[in-house]
Protein backbone atom coordinates (compact mmCIF):
# COMPACT_ATOMS: atom_id res chain seq x y z
CA MET A 1 0.00 0.00 0.00
CA SER A 2 1.30 3.47 -0.89
CA ASP A 3 2.18 5.86 1.95
CA VAL A 4 1.31 8.84 -0.23
CA ASP A 5 -1.52 10.99 1.09
CA ILE A 6 -3.66 12.45 -1.71
CA ARG A 7 -6.23 15.05 -0.69
CA SER A 8 -8.66 17.04 -2.74
CA GLY A 9 -7.33 20.55 -3.21
CA GLY A 10 -8.82 23.80 -1.98
CA THR A 11 -11.66 24.15 0.48
CA VAL A 12 -15.04 22.57 -0.06
CA ALA A 13 -18.07 24.84 0.05
CA VAL A 14 -20.89 23.39 2.16
CA ASP A 15 -24.54 24.42 2.21
CA THR A 16 -25.22 24.41 5.96
CA ALA A 17 -28.94 24.96 5.37
CA THR A 18 -29.07 21.60 3.60
CA LEU A 19 -27.31 19.95 6.53
CA ARG A 20 -29.82 21.41 8.97
CA ALA A 21 -32.74 20.37 6.77
CA ALA A 22 -31.37 16.83 6.75
CA ALA A 23 -31.07 16.95 10.55
CA GLU A 24 -34.76 17.94 10.81
CA ARG A 25 -35.79 15.04 8.57
CA VAL A 26 -33.75 12.60 10.64
CA ARG A 27 -35.11 14.00 13.90
CA ALA A 28 -38.64 13.54 12.55
CA LEU A 29 -37.94 9.81 12.60
CA ALA A 30 -37.41 9.85 16.37
CA PRO A 31 -41.13 9.37 17.29
CA LEU A 32 -41.36 6.47 14.86
CA ALA A 33 -38.25 4.87 16.32
CA SER A 34 -39.59 5.34 19.86
CA ALA A 35 -42.94 3.81 18.83
CA ALA A 36 -41.12 0.83 17.33
CA GLY A 37 -39.21 0.40 20.58
CA GLU A 38 -42.43 0.52 22.63
CA ALA A 39 -44.04 -2.05 20.32
CA ALA A 40 -41.03 -4.33 20.70
CA ARG A 41 -41.29 -4.18 24.49
CA ARG A 42 -44.99 -5.09 24.33
CA VAL A 43 -44.19 -8.05 22.10
CA ARG A 44 -41.61 -9.25 24.61
CA GLU A 45 -44.11 -8.96 27.47
CA LEU A 46 -46.71 -10.93 25.52
CA SER A 47 -44.13 -13.58 24.64
CA PHE A 48 -43.35 -14.04 28.34
CA ALA A 49 -47.08 -14.46 29.07
CA VAL A 50 -47.46 -17.10 26.35
CA PHE A 51 -44.07 -18.77 26.80
CA PRO A 52 -43.15 -18.30 30.47
CA HIS A 53 -40.05 -20.44 30.07
CA GLY A 54 -38.62 -18.15 27.43
CA GLY A 55 -36.47 -20.16 25.09
CA ARG A 56 -35.81 -18.87 21.63
CA PHE A 57 -38.78 -16.50 21.80
CA GLU A 58 -37.18 -14.69 24.72
CA VAL A 59 -33.93 -14.34 22.79
CA ALA A 60 -35.71 -13.07 19.68
CA THR A 61 -37.86 -10.50 21.46
CA SER A 62 -34.97 -9.29 23.61
CA THR A 63 -32.92 -8.80 20.45
CA LEU A 64 -35.79 -6.84 18.93
CA VAL A 65 -36.04 -4.56 21.97
CA SER A 66 -32.28 -4.02 21.99
CA GLY A 67 -32.26 -3.24 18.26
CA THR A 68 -35.00 -0.65 18.49
CA GLY A 69 -33.19 0.96 21.42
CA VAL A 70 -30.08 1.31 19.27
CA LEU A 71 -32.24 2.76 16.48
CA VAL A 72 -33.62 5.45 18.81
CA ALA A 73 -30.11 6.37 19.95
CA ASP A 74 -28.75 6.39 16.39
CA VAL A 75 -31.50 8.70 15.15
CA ALA A 76 -30.73 11.20 17.91
CA TYR A 77 -26.98 10.91 17.34
CA LEU A 78 -27.23 11.41 13.58
CA ALA A 79 -29.47 14.46 13.95
CA ASP A 80 -27.12 16.00 16.52
CA ALA A 81 -24.10 15.23 14.35
CA LEU A 82 -25.63 16.91 11.30
CA GLU A 83 -26.50 20.04 13.28
CA ASN A 84 -23.08 20.21 14.94
CA THR A 85 -21.37 19.74 11.59
CA ALA A 86 -23.39 22.58 10.06
CA ALA A 87 -22.45 24.79 13.01
CA ALA A 88 -18.80 23.77 12.68
CA TYR A 89 -18.67 24.84 9.02
CA GLU A 90 -20.24 28.16 9.99
CA LEU A 91 -17.66 28.57 12.76
CA VAL A 92 -14.79 28.01 10.31
CA GLU A 93 -16.26 30.60 7.95
CA LEU A 94 -16.79 33.09 10.79
CA ARG A 95 -13.24 32.62 12.04
CA ALA A 96 -11.88 33.30 8.55
CA GLU A 97 -14.09 36.37 8.20
CA ARG A 98 -13.02 37.57 11.63
CA ALA A 99 -9.34 37.27 10.68
CA LEU A 100 -9.92 39.39 7.59
CA ALA A 101 -11.88 41.99 9.55
CA GLU A 102 -9.17 42.15 12.21
CA THR A 103 -6.47 42.55 9.56
CA SER A 104 -8.35 45.41 7.93
CA GLY A 105 -8.94 47.11 11.28
CA ASP A 106 -12.75 46.73 11.20
CA HIS A 107 -13.19 46.36 14.95
CA GLY A 108 -16.96 46.78 14.77
CA ARG A 109 -17.28 43.80 12.46
CA VAL A 110 -14.94 41.80 14.71
CA ALA A 111 -17.27 42.43 17.66
CA GLU A 112 -20.33 41.36 15.62
CA ILE A 113 -18.61 38.15 14.54
CA ASP A 114 -17.57 37.37 18.12
CA VAL A 115 -21.24 37.51 19.17
CA SER A 116 -22.17 35.07 16.38
CA ILE A 117 -19.32 32.74 17.31
CA ASP A 118 -20.31 32.73 20.99
CA GLY A 119 -23.92 31.99 20.03
CA LEU A 120 -22.94 29.00 17.87
CA ARG A 121 -20.63 27.60 20.53
CA ALA A 122 -23.28 27.93 23.23
CA ARG A 123 -25.98 26.19 21.18
CA TRP A 124 -23.76 23.47 19.66
CA PRO A 125 -20.84 22.88 22.06
CA ALA A 126 -19.38 20.05 19.99
CA ALA A 127 -19.09 22.29 16.94
CA SER A 128 -15.94 23.96 18.25
CA ASP A 129 -14.10 20.63 18.43
CA ILE A 130 -15.18 19.75 14.88
CA ALA A 131 -14.09 23.15 13.60
CA ASP A 132 -10.73 22.87 15.39
CA ALA A 133 -10.13 19.44 13.83
CA SER A 134 -11.07 20.74 10.38
CA GLU A 135 -8.67 23.68 10.61
CA LEU A 136 -5.91 21.44 11.97
CA ALA A 137 -6.36 19.10 8.99
CA ALA A 138 -5.88 22.08 6.68
CA THR A 139 -2.77 23.44 8.40
CA GLY A 140 -1.33 20.41 10.15
CA ARG A 141 1.03 19.36 7.38
CA SER A 142 3.81 21.34 9.10
CA ASP A 143 3.22 19.57 12.44
CA GLU A 144 5.67 16.85 11.43
CA VAL A 145 8.36 19.46 10.81
CA TRP A 146 7.99 20.98 14.26
CA ARG A 147 7.80 17.52 15.88
CA GLN A 148 11.16 16.69 14.37
CA LEU A 149 12.66 20.04 15.32
CA SER A 150 11.43 19.61 18.90
CA ALA A 151 12.65 16.01 19.06
CA TRP A 152 16.20 16.97 18.18
CA GLY A 153 16.14 20.18 20.17
CA VAL A 154 18.37 22.27 17.88
CA PRO A 155 17.67 24.79 15.11
CA ILE A 156 18.07 22.28 12.26
CA VAL A 157 16.93 24.54 9.48
CA GLY A 158 19.24 27.32 10.62
CA LEU A 159 22.26 25.13 9.86
CA THR A 160 21.44 24.61 6.20
CA GLY A 161 22.93 27.73 4.65
CA ALA A 162 24.78 25.84 1.94
CA LEU A 163 21.54 24.36 0.69
CA GLY A 164 20.09 27.51 -0.83
CA ILE A 165 16.69 28.48 0.48
CA GLY A 166 17.05 26.36 3.61
CA ALA A 167 19.17 28.79 5.59
CA LEU A 168 16.92 31.66 4.64
CA ALA A 169 13.66 29.83 5.31
CA LEU A 170 13.02 30.89 8.88
CA VAL A 171 14.17 34.43 8.16
CA LEU A 172 11.70 34.61 5.29
CA GLY A 173 8.86 33.55 7.56
CA ALA A 174 9.80 36.08 10.21
CA ARG A 175 10.22 38.94 7.73
CA GLY A 176 6.95 38.09 6.03
CA ALA A 177 5.12 38.09 9.35
CA LEU A 178 6.25 41.67 9.95
CA ARG A 179 4.54 42.89 6.80
CA GLY A 180 1.13 43.10 8.47
CA ALA A 181 -1.74 42.63 6.05
CA ASP A 182 0.45 40.88 3.47
CA ALA A 183 0.23 37.31 4.76
CA PRO A 184 3.58 35.53 4.49
CA GLY A 185 3.67 32.41 2.39
CA ARG A 186 0.75 33.23 0.10
CA VAL A 187 0.48 34.46 -3.49
CA THR A 188 -2.94 36.01 -4.00
CA ARG A 189 -4.89 35.82 -7.21
CA GLY A 190 -4.23 38.75 -9.53
CA ALA A 191 -1.09 39.81 -7.67
CA ARG A 192 1.79 41.08 -9.78
CA LEU A 193 5.41 40.93 -8.73
CA GLY A 194 6.52 44.24 -7.24
CA GLY A 195 9.77 46.12 -7.47
CA SER A 196 11.87 46.69 -10.54
CA VAL A 197 12.54 43.77 -12.90
CA PRO A 198 16.22 42.76 -12.62
CA ALA A 199 18.25 42.65 -15.81
CA VAL A 200 19.38 39.17 -16.85
CA THR A 201 21.03 37.64 -19.88
CA LEU A 202 19.36 34.50 -21.21
CA LEU A 203 21.75 31.70 -22.22
CA PRO A 204 20.40 28.89 -24.44
CA GLN A 205 21.32 25.39 -23.28
CA PRO A 206 21.35 22.10 -25.19
CA VAL A 207 18.24 19.92 -25.02
CA GLY A 208 17.56 16.35 -25.97
CA ALA A 209 15.24 15.21 -28.69
CA ALA A 210 11.73 16.64 -28.53
CA THR A 211 9.28 14.42 -26.68
CA GLY A 212 5.52 14.16 -26.49
CA ARG A 213 3.40 15.52 -23.70
CA PRO A 214 4.03 14.47 -20.06
CA ALA A 215 2.58 11.07 -19.21
CA GLY A 216 1.76 11.84 -15.57
CA LEU A 217 2.86 13.59 -12.40
CA ALA A 218 6.31 11.98 -12.27
CA ASP A 219 6.92 12.88 -15.92
CA LEU A 220 5.99 16.49 -15.15
CA TYR A 221 8.57 16.64 -12.38
CA ALA A 222 11.21 14.78 -14.42
CA ARG A 223 11.15 17.60 -16.98
CA VAL A 224 12.22 20.20 -14.40
CA PRO A 225 15.89 20.95 -15.30
CA THR A 226 18.60 19.64 -12.98
CA GLY A 227 21.79 20.61 -14.84
CA GLU A 228 23.08 23.87 -16.21
CA ALA A 229 19.67 24.83 -17.56
CA ARG A 230 17.25 26.42 -15.08
CA VAL A 231 14.10 26.63 -17.18
CA ARG A 232 12.70 24.38 -19.90
CA ILE A 233 10.03 25.54 -22.32
CA GLU A 234 7.98 23.23 -24.53
CA ARG A 235 6.03 24.61 -27.47
CA TYR A 236 3.12 22.56 -28.78
CA THR A 237 1.74 23.35 -32.22
CA MET A 238 -1.81 22.07 -32.69
CA SER A 239 -3.45 20.93 -35.91
CA ASP A 240 -5.28 24.25 -36.27
CA GLY A 241 -2.00 26.17 -36.09
CA SER A 242 -2.51 27.42 -32.53
CA ARG A 243 0.25 27.03 -29.97
CA ALA A 244 0.39 26.06 -26.32
CA TYR A 245 3.37 26.13 -24.00
CA ALA A 246 4.73 24.39 -20.92
CA ALA A 247 7.32 25.84 -18.53
CA TYR A 248 9.39 23.75 -16.10
CA ILE A 249 11.31 25.79 -13.54
CA ALA A 250 14.17 24.55 -11.35
CA GLY A 251 14.99 25.31 -7.72
CA THR A 252 17.84 27.21 -6.09
CA ASP A 253 21.35 26.43 -7.34
CA GLY A 254 23.37 29.33 -5.91
CA SER A 255 24.03 30.91 -9.29
CA SER A 256 23.67 34.63 -9.81
CA THR A 257 20.04 34.23 -10.87
CA TRP A 258 18.68 31.31 -8.81
CA ASP A 259 20.15 32.35 -5.46
CA ASN A 260 18.93 33.29 -1.98
CA THR A 261 18.42 36.91 -3.02
CA ALA A 262 15.89 35.64 -5.55
CA ASN A 263 14.27 33.47 -2.87
CA LEU A 264 13.79 36.43 -0.57
CA ALA A 265 12.40 38.65 -3.32
CA LEU A 266 9.87 36.06 -4.49
CA TYR A 267 8.70 35.17 -0.97
CA GLU A 268 8.06 38.85 -0.31
CA GLY A 269 6.24 39.30 -3.62
CA ASP A 270 8.94 41.09 -5.60
CA ALA A 271 10.44 40.36 -9.01
CA SER A 272 13.64 38.32 -8.97
CA THR A 273 16.38 37.44 -11.40
CA SER A 274 14.83 33.98 -11.74
CA SER A 275 11.33 35.32 -12.48
CA ALA A 276 12.85 37.71 -15.03
CA ALA A 277 14.69 34.82 -16.69
CA VAL A 278 11.52 32.72 -16.93
CA ALA A 279 9.60 35.64 -18.44
CA GLN A 280 12.34 36.10 -21.03
CA ALA A 281 12.44 32.37 -21.78
CA LEU A 282 8.70 32.28 -22.49
CA GLU A 283 9.00 35.34 -24.70
CA ALA A 284 11.96 33.81 -26.57
CA ALA A 285 9.91 30.67 -27.20
CA GLY A 286 7.12 32.78 -28.69
CA ALA A 287 4.60 32.91 -25.84
CA GLN A 288 2.44 36.03 -25.75
CA ARG A 289 0.08 37.44 -23.15
CA GLY A 290 -3.08 35.30 -22.96
CA ASP A 291 -1.45 32.18 -24.45
CA THR A 292 -1.90 28.79 -22.81
CA VAL A 293 1.06 27.97 -20.55
CA GLN A 294 1.14 24.91 -18.32
CA VAL A 295 3.56 25.54 -15.41
CA THR A 296 5.58 23.19 -13.20
CA GLY A 297 8.14 24.25 -10.59
CA TYR A 298 10.23 22.94 -7.72
CA SER A 299 11.20 24.98 -4.61
CA GLN A 300 12.24 28.44 -5.85
CA GLY A 301 10.89 27.43 -9.25
CA ALA A 302 7.55 26.67 -7.58
CA MET A 303 7.43 30.26 -6.28
CA VAL A 304 8.07 31.59 -9.77
CA ALA A 305 5.38 29.23 -11.11
CA ALA A 306 2.90 30.36 -8.44
CA HIS A 307 3.38 34.04 -9.25
CA LEU A 308 3.11 33.28 -12.97
CA ALA A 309 -0.18 31.42 -12.51
CA ALA A 310 -1.69 33.98 -10.12
CA SER A 311 -0.82 37.01 -12.25
CA GLY A 312 -3.34 36.22 -14.98
CA GLU A 313 -0.81 37.07 -17.69
CA TYR A 314 -1.26 33.64 -19.26
CA ASP A 315 -4.03 31.06 -19.44
CA VAL A 316 -2.66 28.40 -17.06
CA PRO A 317 -4.58 25.10 -17.33
CA VAL A 318 -2.26 23.23 -14.92
CA LEU A 319 -0.07 24.49 -12.07
CA ALA A 320 2.07 21.71 -10.56
CA THR A 321 4.31 22.66 -7.62
CA PHE A 322 6.79 20.56 -5.61
CA GLY A 323 8.19 21.68 -2.25
CA SER A 324 6.79 25.19 -2.62
CA PRO A 325 7.35 27.74 0.19
CA VAL A 326 4.11 29.49 -0.77
CA ALA A 327 0.43 28.71 -1.20
CA VAL A 328 -1.30 30.25 -4.20
CA ASP A 329 -4.80 31.49 -5.03
CA VAL A 330 -5.55 30.98 -8.70
CA ASP A 331 -8.23 31.40 -11.33
CA PRO A 332 -11.09 28.84 -11.11
CA ALA A 333 -9.98 27.46 -14.49
CA THR A 334 -6.52 26.44 -13.22
CA LEU A 335 -6.03 22.88 -11.95
CA VAL A 336 -3.60 22.92 -9.01
CA VAL A 337 -1.50 19.88 -8.12
CA ASP A 338 0.48 20.74 -4.99
CA VAL A 339 3.08 18.19 -3.79
CA ARG A 340 4.56 19.03 -0.38
CA HIS A 341 6.15 16.61 2.08
CA ASP A 342 4.82 16.77 5.62
CA ASP A 343 8.35 16.94 7.06
CA ASP A 344 9.75 19.44 4.54
CA PRO A 345 10.68 22.67 6.41
CA ILE A 346 10.60 24.64 3.16
CA ALA A 347 7.05 23.57 2.30
CA ALA A 348 6.08 24.38 5.90
CA LEU A 349 6.65 28.08 5.14
CA ALA A 350 3.53 28.16 2.97
CA ALA A 351 0.33 29.69 4.32
CA PRO A 352 -2.68 27.41 4.95
CA PRO A 353 -4.97 26.62 1.99
CA SER A 354 -7.42 29.36 1.09
CA ALA A 355 -11.16 29.06 0.51
CA ALA A 356 -11.06 32.10 -1.77
CA ALA A 357 -9.45 30.72 -4.92
CA PRO A 358 -8.67 27.00 -4.75
CA GLY A 359 -8.62 26.55 -8.52
CA ALA A 360 -10.53 24.11 -10.70
CA ASP A 361 -12.37 21.04 -9.46
CA GLY A 362 -10.06 18.05 -9.37
CA GLY A 363 -7.08 19.83 -7.83
CA VAL A 364 -5.15 17.79 -5.27
CA THR A 365 -2.57 18.17 -2.51
CA ILE A 366 -0.15 15.25 -2.27
CA GLY A 367 2.12 14.57 0.69
CA ARG A 368 4.00 11.97 2.69
CA VAL A 369 6.53 11.78 5.51
CA VAL A 370 9.89 11.14 3.87
CA ASP A 371 12.17 10.83 6.89
CA PRO A 372 10.45 10.43 10.29
CA ALA A 373 13.75 9.81 12.11
CA THR A 374 15.47 12.79 13.67
CA GLY A 375 19.18 13.48 13.98
CA PRO A 376 22.16 15.38 12.60
CA HIS A 377 21.38 14.12 9.09
CA ASP A 378 18.39 16.48 9.06
CA VAL A 379 20.71 19.38 8.24
CA THR A 380 20.62 18.09 4.65
CA MET A 381 16.80 18.42 4.61
CA PRO A 382 16.09 14.99 3.06
CA ALA A 383 12.38 15.80 2.81
CA HIS A 384 13.15 18.73 0.48
CA ASP A 385 15.40 16.71 -1.79
CA GLY A 386 14.42 16.67 -5.45
CA GLY A 387 14.84 12.91 -5.67
CA ALA A 388 12.38 12.45 -2.80
CA TYR A 389 9.80 14.57 -4.63
CA LEU A 390 10.29 12.53 -7.80
CA GLU A 391 9.71 9.36 -5.79
CA THR A 392 6.52 10.81 -4.27
CA ALA A 393 5.27 11.66 -7.75
CA ARG A 394 5.99 8.11 -8.91
CA ARG A 395 4.12 6.64 -5.94
CA ALA A 396 1.16 8.92 -6.59
CA ASP A 397 1.04 7.82 -10.24
CA ALA A 398 1.24 4.17 -9.19
CA SER A 399 -1.51 4.55 -6.58
CA GLY A 400 -4.28 4.53 -9.17
CA ASP A 401 -6.06 7.21 -7.14
CA PRO A 402 -9.02 8.44 -9.22
CA ARG A 403 -8.42 12.02 -8.04
CA LEU A 404 -5.48 12.22 -10.42
CA ALA A 405 -7.82 11.71 -13.38
CA ALA A 406 -8.33 15.46 -13.79
CA LEU A 407 -4.58 15.96 -14.31
CA GLU A 408 -4.47 13.21 -16.92
CA GLN A 409 -7.43 14.74 -18.75
CA ARG A 410 -5.70 18.12 -18.97
CA LEU A 411 -2.41 16.63 -20.13
CA ALA A 412 -4.19 14.50 -22.75
CA VAL A 413 -5.18 17.66 -24.63
CA TYR A 414 -1.60 17.84 -25.94
CA ASP A 415 -1.95 14.46 -27.66
CA ALA A 416 -3.45 16.44 -30.54
CA ALA A 417 -0.22 18.40 -31.11
CA VAL A 418 1.34 17.94 -34.53
CA SER A 419 4.78 19.03 -33.29
CA VAL A 420 6.61 19.60 -30.02
CA GLU A 421 9.67 21.87 -29.76
CA THR A 422 11.83 22.15 -26.65
CA PHE A 423 14.01 25.03 -25.46
CA ALA A 424 16.24 25.23 -22.37
CA TYR A 425 17.93 28.21 -20.80
CA SER A 426 20.16 29.32 -17.98
CA ALA A 427 20.65 32.98 -17.18
CA GLU A 428 23.18 35.40 -15.76
CA ALA A 429 22.38 38.49 -13.75
CA VAL A 430 23.52 41.73 -15.36
CA PRO A 431 25.59 43.68 -12.81
CA THR A 432 24.08 47.00 -11.83
CA PRO A 433 26.53 49.73 -12.93
CA ALA A 434 27.97 51.93 -10.21
CA PRO A 435 26.77 55.55 -10.31
CA THR A 436 29.04 57.90 -12.26
CA PRO A 437 30.37 60.69 -10.00
CA THR A 438 29.28 64.16 -10.97
CA PRO A 439 32.35 66.30 -11.90
CA GLY A 440 33.32 68.76 -9.20
CA LEU A 441 31.54 66.93 -6.34
CA ASP A 442 33.18 65.14 -3.44
CA PRO A 443 33.36 61.41 -4.45
CA SER A 444 32.49 60.45 -0.86
CA LEU A 445 28.99 61.78 -1.48
CA HIS A 446 28.46 58.86 -3.88
CA ARG A 447 29.26 56.13 -1.38
CA PRO A 448 26.52 53.46 -0.97
CA LEU A 449 23.72 54.10 1.49
CA GLY A 450 24.69 52.92 4.96
CA SER A 451 28.44 52.75 4.24
CA ARG A 452 30.89 54.31 6.69
CA THR A 453 34.06 56.25 6.15
CA GLY A 454 37.02 56.64 8.45
CA GLY A 455 37.31 59.42 11.04
CA ASP A 456 35.00 60.76 13.65
CA VAL A 457 31.42 61.47 12.65
CA SER A 458 29.68 63.78 15.10
CA GLY A 459 26.27 62.66 16.18
CA GLY A 460 26.79 59.15 14.77
CA GLY A 461 25.54 56.17 16.69
CA ALA A 462 25.89 52.39 16.46
CA GLY A 463 24.03 51.00 13.45
């Protein structure tokens, strides 16, 4: 049996009025169940009068009485469960609305919601436990990370500086939390990367023979570059002459474009050298605004992919992410396949799933615990390793889970392509030129902001 956990993506919308109507119909059965129980007891009394020595009649009538008693209890339990479940869904929605109101500073609305929450909890006490369990299921994927950190008792992630994003991971989370309304670890639908676009030089890389469309989740991940190339673009030409594209974006490699500076910029919602390189690669392959672009990314590449899908610049039928430090809200037409290991500290940086824009029906979140043991080896972050994510994708494909059918359906569209062309690129950051001193001015006035010069500076303090 596979240890891969496949969950439907996004948040399910529930009609609580329907749940309560069902509870009323079930509760209406209670008098009938009670009447059946009373009739069963009368039958048992009559059987004792006719057959005072009992025998099999006593056993049969006692079983009947016991069965109707269970029926009465089950009717009451089911009705209560339906009502508590309806209240629990309403509590989850109210809590989410309260968080938004609190973030926006609408204290009046917060007070109104608190009254509604208190009323639900008073009327249906069990609803709070159900709501807590539901929210824990949505956010609990990082619990395994913190269990392992606690078990070892040292700042594991803080020791992983040589591994790219790892060393910066906790700093990213802390910096993002200080941004107030901008929730760390989330890319919202329609958001565009901020800041200025860094200048990069695109460098074509050799590619193998053109192949057909990806055959499944593992094939999607296998096309993410692992060598010199950092981004792979596939161009599909259909029988009607139209074109569709696929982009596969690699993770951090420490180069001048896929480095920790790029990680920090992307996590905080700003353009990076890597996002600039991917944009150039798509343009070089012929993609234009509004074209169909299927996107797959790992780690830093998953952040670039998330921003690309959320921006609305392209029509993105499939967004597949592996080990992403961010969650993403996308257009309802985009199918999201999110693969994140439960013990991956990088994936744990992502915000909880959102009810606002979960993407198309059929989206899934796929996870597993890669390395439950704790110890010094955790400094290498085995759960974030690319090979581990490829293995998870293979296990998911082999599971035969019907929830992966939506992905297969979207990939099958490319079977109609009459040709497939492949391009691969790396990129180099273009150094920012130093400012040219203005003739006649003291060159020290052009020193970088925050730099210090020798000698005593009156009024200066420690910085």
